[in-house]
Amino acid sequence: MHQEAVPDEAVSAPAAAPQQGAPKGLLQQMEELMAALNADLTQLDADLQSSAERPSPPRGDAAG
């Protein structure tokens, strides 16, 4: 399975500061990672939608 490299700062940067200096729980970390992933997927979807709206150049069907 192919996995794309993710910049360290995208993964290690906290989305929100821990409350009262306590370490974040696993659930909180997962929620933040899922929120970041969702934002990335939303941006990717928007990019794909905008590229799909542009007509692609015609391809030559003739064998040559």
N, C-alpha and C. Protein backbone atom coordinates (compact mmCIF):
# COMPACT_ATOMS: atom_id res chain seq x y z
N MET A 1 0.84 -1.18 0.00
CA MET A 1 0.00 0.00 0.00
C MET A 1 0.88 1.24 0.00
N HIS A 2 0.58 2.18 -0.82
CA HIS A 2 1.38 3.39 -0.95
C HIS A 2 0.92 4.44 0.04
N GLN A 3 1.86 5.00 0.77
CA GLN A 3 1.53 6.08 1.69
C GLN A 3 2.32 7.31 1.30
N GLU A 4 1.63 8.44 1.25
CA GLU A 4 2.29 9.69 0.88
C GLU A 4 2.94 10.30 2.11
N ALA A 5 4.12 10.87 1.92
CA ALA A 5 4.82 11.49 3.05
C ALA A 5 4.07 12.72 3.52
N VAL A 6 3.97 12.85 4.84
CA VAL A 6 3.30 14.00 5.44
C VAL A 6 4.34 14.81 6.20
N PRO A 7 4.38 16.12 5.98
CA PRO A 7 5.37 16.93 6.71
C PRO A 7 5.19 16.78 8.22
N ASP A 8 6.31 16.75 8.94
CA ASP A 8 6.26 16.58 10.39
C ASP A 8 5.47 17.67 11.08
N GLU A 9 5.60 18.91 10.59
CA GLU A 9 4.89 19.99 11.26
C GLU A 9 3.38 19.85 11.14
N ALA A 10 2.90 19.20 10.09
CA ALA A 10 1.45 19.01 9.94
C ALA A 10 0.94 18.00 10.96
N VAL A 11 1.79 17.06 11.34
CA VAL A 11 1.38 16.02 12.28
C VAL A 11 1.64 16.42 13.72
N SER A 12 2.80 17.02 13.98
CA SER A 12 3.18 17.29 15.35
C SER A 12 2.64 18.60 15.90
N ALA A 13 2.20 19.51 15.03
CA ALA A 13 1.69 20.79 15.51
C ALA A 13 0.34 20.60 16.17
N PRO A 14 0.20 20.99 17.43
CA PRO A 14 -1.09 20.82 18.12
C PRO A 14 -2.13 21.78 17.58
N ALA A 15 -3.34 21.28 17.40
CA ALA A 15 -4.43 22.13 16.90
C ALA A 15 -4.93 23.04 18.00
N ALA A 16 -4.85 22.60 19.24
CA ALA A 16 -5.28 23.41 20.38
C ALA A 16 -4.38 23.10 21.57
N ALA A 17 -4.15 24.10 22.40
CA ALA A 17 -3.29 23.90 23.56
C ALA A 17 -3.99 23.00 24.58
N PRO A 18 -3.26 22.13 25.22
CA PRO A 18 -3.88 21.27 26.24
C PRO A 18 -4.43 22.12 27.38
N GLN A 19 -5.53 21.69 27.95
CA GLN A 19 -6.16 22.44 29.03
C GLN A 19 -5.35 22.28 30.32
N GLN A 20 -5.08 23.39 30.99
CA GLN A 20 -4.40 23.44 32.28
C GLN A 20 -3.06 22.72 32.25
N GLY A 21 -2.38 22.68 31.11
CA GLY A 21 -1.06 22.09 31.03
C GLY A 21 -1.04 20.57 31.14
N ALA A 22 -2.19 19.94 31.21
CA ALA A 22 -2.24 18.48 31.31
C ALA A 22 -1.98 17.86 29.94
N PRO A 23 -1.33 16.70 29.90
CA PRO A 23 -1.12 16.05 28.60
C PRO A 23 -2.45 15.65 27.98
N LYS A 24 -2.49 15.80 26.66
CA LYS A 24 -3.72 15.45 25.95
C LYS A 24 -3.91 13.94 25.94
N GLY A 25 -5.16 13.54 26.04
CA GLY A 25 -5.48 12.13 25.97
C GLY A 25 -5.46 11.65 24.53
N LEU A 26 -5.43 10.36 24.35
CA LEU A 26 -5.39 9.77 23.03
C LEU A 26 -6.61 10.17 22.21
N LEU A 27 -7.78 10.21 22.83
CA LEU A 27 -8.99 10.59 22.12
C LEU A 27 -8.89 12.02 21.60
N GLN A 28 -8.37 12.93 22.42
CA GLN A 28 -8.22 14.32 22.00
C GLN A 28 -7.25 14.42 20.83
N GLN A 29 -6.15 13.68 20.89
CA GLN A 29 -5.17 13.69 19.80
C GLN A 29 -5.81 13.17 18.52
N MET A 30 -6.57 12.09 18.64
CA MET A 30 -7.21 11.51 17.46
C MET A 30 -8.24 12.48 16.87
N GLU A 31 -8.99 13.17 17.72
CA GLU A 31 -9.97 14.13 17.23
C GLU A 31 -9.28 15.27 16.47
N GLU A 32 -8.15 15.73 16.98
CA GLU A 32 -7.41 16.81 16.31
C GLU A 32 -6.84 16.34 14.98
N LEU A 33 -6.31 15.11 14.96
CA LEU A 33 -5.77 14.57 13.72
C LEU A 33 -6.88 14.37 12.68
N MET A 34 -8.04 13.89 13.13
CA MET A 34 -9.17 13.70 12.22
C MET A 34 -9.66 15.04 11.68
N ALA A 35 -9.67 16.07 12.51
CA ALA A 35 -10.08 17.39 12.05
C ALA A 35 -9.10 17.92 11.01
N ALA A 36 -7.82 17.72 11.24
CA ALA A 36 -6.81 18.16 10.28
C ALA A 36 -6.94 17.37 8.97
N LEU A 37 -7.16 16.07 9.08
CA LEU A 37 -7.33 15.24 7.89
C LEU A 37 -8.57 15.66 7.11
N ASN A 38 -9.66 15.93 7.83
CA ASN A 38 -10.88 16.37 7.18
C ASN A 38 -10.67 17.68 6.43
N ALA A 39 -9.93 18.60 7.03
CA ALA A 39 -9.64 19.88 6.37
C ALA A 39 -8.80 19.65 5.11
N ASP A 40 -7.81 18.75 5.20
CA ASP A 40 -6.98 18.45 4.03
C ASP A 40 -7.81 17.82 2.92
N LEU A 41 -8.70 16.89 3.29
CA LEU A 41 -9.54 16.23 2.28
C LEU A 41 -10.53 17.21 1.66
N THR A 42 -11.04 18.14 2.45
CA THR A 42 -11.94 19.15 1.92
C THR A 42 -11.22 20.02 0.90
N GLN A 43 -9.98 20.41 1.21
CA GLN A 43 -9.19 21.22 0.29
C GLN A 43 -8.87 20.43 -0.98
N LEU A 44 -8.52 19.16 -0.82
CA LEU A 44 -8.23 18.32 -1.97
C LEU A 44 -9.46 18.18 -2.86
N ASP A 45 -10.62 17.99 -2.24
CA ASP A 45 -11.87 17.88 -3.00
C ASP A 45 -12.13 19.16 -3.78
N ALA A 46 -11.93 20.31 -3.14
CA ALA A 46 -12.14 21.59 -3.82
C ALA A 46 -11.18 21.73 -5.00
N ASP A 47 -9.92 21.31 -4.81
CA ASP A 47 -8.94 21.38 -5.90
C ASP A 47 -9.34 20.46 -7.06
N LEU A 48 -9.80 19.26 -6.73
CA LEU A 48 -10.21 18.33 -7.77
C LEU A 48 -11.45 18.83 -8.51
N GLN A 49 -12.39 19.40 -7.77
CA GLN A 49 -13.60 19.94 -8.41
C GLN A 49 -13.25 21.06 -9.36
N SER A 50 -12.35 21.96 -8.95
CA SER A 50 -11.99 23.08 -9.81
C SER A 50 -11.22 22.61 -11.04
N SER A 51 -10.39 21.57 -10.89
CA SER A 51 -9.65 21.06 -12.05
C SER A 51 -10.58 20.29 -12.98
N ALA A 52 -11.64 19.69 -12.46
CA ALA A 52 -12.59 18.95 -13.29
C ALA A 52 -13.45 19.90 -14.12
N GLU A 53 -13.64 21.12 -13.65
CA GLU A 53 -14.46 22.09 -14.37
C GLU A 53 -13.73 22.64 -15.60
N ARG A 54 -12.40 22.61 -15.57
CA ARG A 54 -11.64 23.11 -16.72
C ARG A 54 -11.62 22.03 -17.80
N PRO A 55 -11.93 22.43 -19.04
CA PRO A 55 -11.89 21.43 -20.12
C PRO A 55 -10.44 21.01 -20.40
N SER A 56 -10.24 19.71 -20.51
CA SER A 56 -8.91 19.22 -20.81
C SER A 56 -8.64 19.36 -22.30
N PRO A 57 -7.37 19.50 -22.69
CA PRO A 57 -7.05 19.63 -24.12
C PRO A 57 -7.43 18.36 -24.86
N PRO A 58 -7.90 18.48 -26.07
CA PRO A 58 -8.30 17.28 -26.83
C PRO A 58 -7.11 16.38 -27.10
N ARG A 59 -7.36 15.08 -27.06
CA ARG A 59 -6.31 14.10 -27.31
C ARG A 59 -6.46 13.56 -28.73
N GLY A 60 -5.35 13.29 -29.37
CA GLY A 60 -5.39 12.70 -30.71
C GLY A 60 -5.73 11.23 -30.63
N ASP A 61 -6.80 10.82 -31.26
CA ASP A 61 -7.22 9.42 -31.26
C ASP A 61 -6.52 8.59 -32.34
N ALA A 62 -5.92 9.26 -33.30
CA ALA A 62 -5.28 8.55 -34.41
C ALA A 62 -3.98 7.90 -33.95
N ALA A 63 -3.80 6.66 -34.33
CA ALA A 63 -2.56 5.98 -33.98
C ALA A 63 -1.45 6.47 -34.92
N GLY A 64 -0.29 6.67 -34.35
CA GLY A 64 0.73 7.22 -35.22
C GLY A 64 2.02 6.75 -34.84
